[in-house]
Amino acid sequence: MSYDISLHLTVDTGGPEPLEVCVADIGNYTVNVARMWTDALGHRLSDFADRNAGDSHPALAAAVAKLLADPDRYRAMEPSNGWGDYEGAVAYLARLRDACLVHPKAQIYISC
């Protein structure tokens, strides 16, 4: 299982229905590192689903900083099966953080 995250904007084009546009594809990463993210965020990563990107950025920035400040703590949480690691977990969360900064009006979509 994995997280697949993207940011979307809804655009009123004047047509009968609004257009949904993907403005950032964060990609996909294994849920095996979810314990790291939960510890750094104080809640599950999936809790960001359907939230505003700009409102989510501060919490994501703080979590990335927490992960970077204590790598030994988080490396100890790496899954024993080898699916996912500290570096990948940090990089994935940092991509989401950066996309939220660039697209603050977007909505976060998460599928697991």
C-alpha atoms as a PDB file:
ATOM      1  CA  MET A   1       0.000   0.000   0.000  1.00  0.00           C
ATOM      2  CA  SER A   2       1.126   3.554  -0.624  1.00  0.00           C
ATOM      3  CA  TYR A   3       0.138   7.166  -0.413  1.00  0.00           C
ATOM      4  CA  ASP A   4      -0.561   8.928  -3.708  1.00  0.00           C
ATOM      5  CA  ILE A   5      -0.804  12.695  -3.195  1.00  0.00           C
ATOM      6  CA  SER A   6      -1.579  15.560  -5.560  1.00  0.00           C
ATOM      7  CA  LEU A   7      -2.802  19.149  -5.337  1.00  0.00           C
ATOM      8  CA  HIS A   8      -5.819  20.288  -7.329  1.00  0.00           C
ATOM      9  CA  LEU A   9      -7.534  23.551  -8.156  1.00  0.00           C
ATOM     10  CA  THR A  10     -11.129  23.936  -9.246  1.00  0.00           C
ATOM     11  CA  VAL A  11     -11.505  26.493 -12.031  1.00  0.00           C
ATOM     12  CA  ASP A  12     -14.759  28.106 -13.147  1.00  0.00           C
ATOM     13  CA  THR A  13     -14.469  28.165 -16.922  1.00  0.00           C
ATOM     14  CA  GLY A  14     -18.003  29.428 -17.453  1.00  0.00           C
ATOM     15  CA  GLY A  15     -19.136  26.001 -18.600  1.00  0.00           C
ATOM     16  CA  PRO A  16     -21.794  23.846 -16.988  1.00  0.00           C
ATOM     17  CA  GLU A  17     -19.319  22.336 -14.520  1.00  0.00           C
ATOM     18  CA  PRO A  18     -16.060  23.631 -13.059  1.00  0.00           C
ATOM     19  CA  LEU A  19     -12.782  22.210 -14.304  1.00  0.00           C
ATOM     20  CA  GLU A  20     -10.499  20.410 -11.875  1.00  0.00           C
ATOM     21  CA  VAL A  21      -6.812  20.860 -12.616  1.00  0.00           C
ATOM     22  CA  CYS A  22      -3.932  18.965 -11.036  1.00  0.00           C
ATOM     23  CA  VAL A  23      -1.300  21.609 -10.251  1.00  0.00           C
ATOM     24  CA  ALA A  24       1.198  19.343  -8.469  1.00  0.00           C
ATOM     25  CA  ASP A  25       1.712  15.601  -8.466  1.00  0.00           C
ATOM     26  CA  ILE A  26       3.652  14.730  -5.328  1.00  0.00           C
ATOM     27  CA  GLY A  27       3.787  11.113  -6.387  1.00  0.00           C
ATOM     28  CA  ASN A  28       3.533   7.912  -4.512  1.00  0.00           C
ATOM     29  CA  TYR A  29       5.361   6.577  -1.444  1.00  0.00           C
ATOM     30  CA  THR A  30       4.949   3.538   0.766  1.00  0.00           C
ATOM     31  CA  VAL A  31       2.809   3.634   3.917  1.00  0.00           C
ATOM     32  CA  ASN A  32       5.540   1.660   5.667  1.00  0.00           C
ATOM     33  CA  VAL A  33       7.061   4.963   6.815  1.00  0.00           C
ATOM     34  CA  ALA A  34       3.760   6.331   8.125  1.00  0.00           C
ATOM     35  CA  ARG A  35       5.001   5.969  11.692  1.00  0.00           C
ATOM     36  CA  MET A  36       7.713   8.574  10.987  1.00  0.00           C
ATOM     37  CA  TRP A  37       5.232  11.004   9.483  1.00  0.00           C
ATOM     38  CA  THR A  38       2.697  10.489  12.274  1.00  0.00           C
ATOM     39  CA  ASP A  39       5.348  11.130  14.905  1.00  0.00           C
ATOM     40  CA  ALA A  40       6.635  14.270  13.179  1.00  0.00           C
ATOM     41  CA  LEU A  41       3.172  15.651  12.359  1.00  0.00           C
ATOM     42  CA  GLY A  42       1.373  14.649  15.545  1.00  0.00           C
ATOM     43  CA  HIS A  43      -1.348  13.006  13.418  1.00  0.00           C
ATOM     44  CA  ARG A  44      -1.677  10.859  10.300  1.00  0.00           C
ATOM     45  CA  LEU A  45      -0.545  12.212   6.932  1.00  0.00           C
ATOM     46  CA  SER A  46      -3.904  11.152   5.514  1.00  0.00           C
ATOM     47  CA  ASP A  47      -5.567  13.755   7.769  1.00  0.00           C
ATOM     48  CA  PHE A  48      -4.449  16.372   5.212  1.00  0.00           C
ATOM     49  CA  ALA A  49      -6.864  14.954   2.632  1.00  0.00           C
ATOM     50  CA  ASP A  50      -9.195  17.626   1.261  1.00  0.00           C
ATOM     51  CA  ARG A  51      -7.450  20.383   3.209  1.00  0.00           C
ATOM     52  CA  ASN A  52      -6.287  23.685   1.787  1.00  0.00           C
ATOM     53  CA  ALA A  53      -2.618  23.604   0.803  1.00  0.00           C
ATOM     54  CA  GLY A  54      -1.782  27.052   2.171  1.00  0.00           C
ATOM     55  CA  ASP A  55      -3.344  26.258   5.530  1.00  0.00           C
ATOM     56  CA  SER A  56      -1.432  22.960   5.646  1.00  0.00           C
ATOM     57  CA  HIS A  57       1.990  24.363   4.815  1.00  0.00           C
ATOM     58  CA  PRO A  58       3.019  25.452   8.359  1.00  0.00           C
ATOM     59  CA  ALA A  59       2.364  22.003   9.850  1.00  0.00           C
ATOM     60  CA  LEU A  60       4.198  20.298   6.986  1.00  0.00           C
ATOM     61  CA  ALA A  61       7.169  22.663   7.310  1.00  0.00           C
ATOM     62  CA  ALA A  62       7.364  21.995  11.054  1.00  0.00           C
ATOM     63  CA  ALA A  63       7.206  18.220  10.486  1.00  0.00           C
ATOM     64  CA  VAL A  64       9.992  18.291   7.890  1.00  0.00           C
ATOM     65  CA  ALA A  65      12.110  20.365  10.287  1.00  0.00           C
ATOM     66  CA  LYS A  66      11.434  17.856  13.076  1.00  0.00           C
ATOM     67  CA  LEU A  67      12.434  14.942  10.829  1.00  0.00           C
ATOM     68  CA  LEU A  68      15.648  16.694   9.803  1.00  0.00           C
ATOM     69  CA  ALA A  69      16.537  17.684  13.369  1.00  0.00           C
ATOM     70  CA  ASP A  70      16.603  14.103  14.669  1.00  0.00           C
ATOM     71  CA  PRO A  71      17.565  11.686  11.880  1.00  0.00           C
ATOM     72  CA  ASP A  72      18.677   8.911  14.250  1.00  0.00           C
ATOM     73  CA  ARG A  73      15.266   8.847  15.929  1.00  0.00           C
ATOM     74  CA  TYR A  74      13.482   8.517  12.596  1.00  0.00           C
ATOM     75  CA  ARG A  75      15.966   6.093  11.014  1.00  0.00           C
ATOM     76  CA  ALA A  76      15.180   3.786  13.942  1.00  0.00           C
ATOM     77  CA  MET A  77      11.588   3.751  12.624  1.00  0.00           C
ATOM     78  CA  GLU A  78      12.564   2.493   9.167  1.00  0.00           C
ATOM     79  CA  PRO A  79      10.563  -0.579   8.192  1.00  0.00           C
ATOM     80  CA  SER A  80      12.421  -3.850   8.620  1.00  0.00           C
ATOM     81  CA  ASN A  81      11.112  -5.118   5.264  1.00  0.00           C
ATOM     82  CA  GLY A  82      13.157  -2.470   3.407  1.00  0.00           C
ATOM     83  CA  TRP A  83      10.122  -0.848   1.794  1.00  0.00           C
ATOM     84  CA  GLY A  84      10.780   2.838   2.434  1.00  0.00           C
ATOM     85  CA  ASP A  85      13.420   4.671   4.427  1.00  0.00           C
ATOM     86  CA  TYR A  86      14.108   7.884   6.316  1.00  0.00           C
ATOM     87  CA  GLU A  87      15.527   9.742   3.312  1.00  0.00           C
ATOM     88  CA  GLY A  88      12.541   8.849   1.132  1.00  0.00           C
ATOM     89  CA  ALA A  89      10.062   9.785   3.869  1.00  0.00           C
ATOM     90  CA  VAL A  90      11.682  13.197   4.331  1.00  0.00           C
ATOM     91  CA  ALA A  91      11.924  13.858   0.585  1.00  0.00           C
ATOM     92  CA  TYR A  92       8.265  12.939   0.012  1.00  0.00           C
ATOM     93  CA  LEU A  93       6.999  15.146   2.849  1.00  0.00           C
ATOM     94  CA  ALA A  94       9.286  17.984   1.683  1.00  0.00           C
ATOM     95  CA  ARG A  95       7.822  17.746  -1.853  1.00  0.00           C
ATOM     96  CA  LEU A  96       4.337  18.104  -0.380  1.00  0.00           C
ATOM     97  CA  ARG A  97       5.459  21.024   1.806  1.00  0.00           C
ATOM     98  CA  ASP A  98       7.037  22.805  -1.165  1.00  0.00           C
ATOM     99  CA  ALA A  99       4.014  22.265  -3.422  1.00  0.00           C
ATOM    100  CA  CYS A 100       1.715  23.669  -0.727  1.00  0.00           C
ATOM    101  CA  LEU A 101       3.864  26.807  -0.590  1.00  0.00           C
ATOM    102  CA  VAL A 102       3.779  27.234  -4.381  1.00  0.00           C
ATOM    103  CA  HIS A 103       0.033  26.453  -4.712  1.00  0.00           C
ATOM    104  CA  PRO A 104      -1.595  27.761  -1.503  1.00  0.00           C
ATOM    105  CA  LYS A 105      -5.118  27.858  -2.968  1.00  0.00           C
ATOM    106  CA  ALA A 106      -5.045  24.224  -4.045  1.00  0.00           C
ATOM    107  CA  GLN A 107      -6.724  21.326  -2.279  1.00  0.00           C
ATOM    108  CA  ILE A 108      -4.760  18.275  -1.162  1.00  0.00           C
ATOM    109  CA  TYR A 109      -5.910  14.949  -2.588  1.00  0.00           C
ATOM    110  CA  ILE A 110      -4.685  11.760  -0.948  1.00  0.00           C
ATOM    111  CA  SER A 111      -5.409   8.208  -1.892  1.00  0.00           C
ATOM    112  CA  CYS A 112      -4.011   5.262   0.033  1.00  0.00           C
END
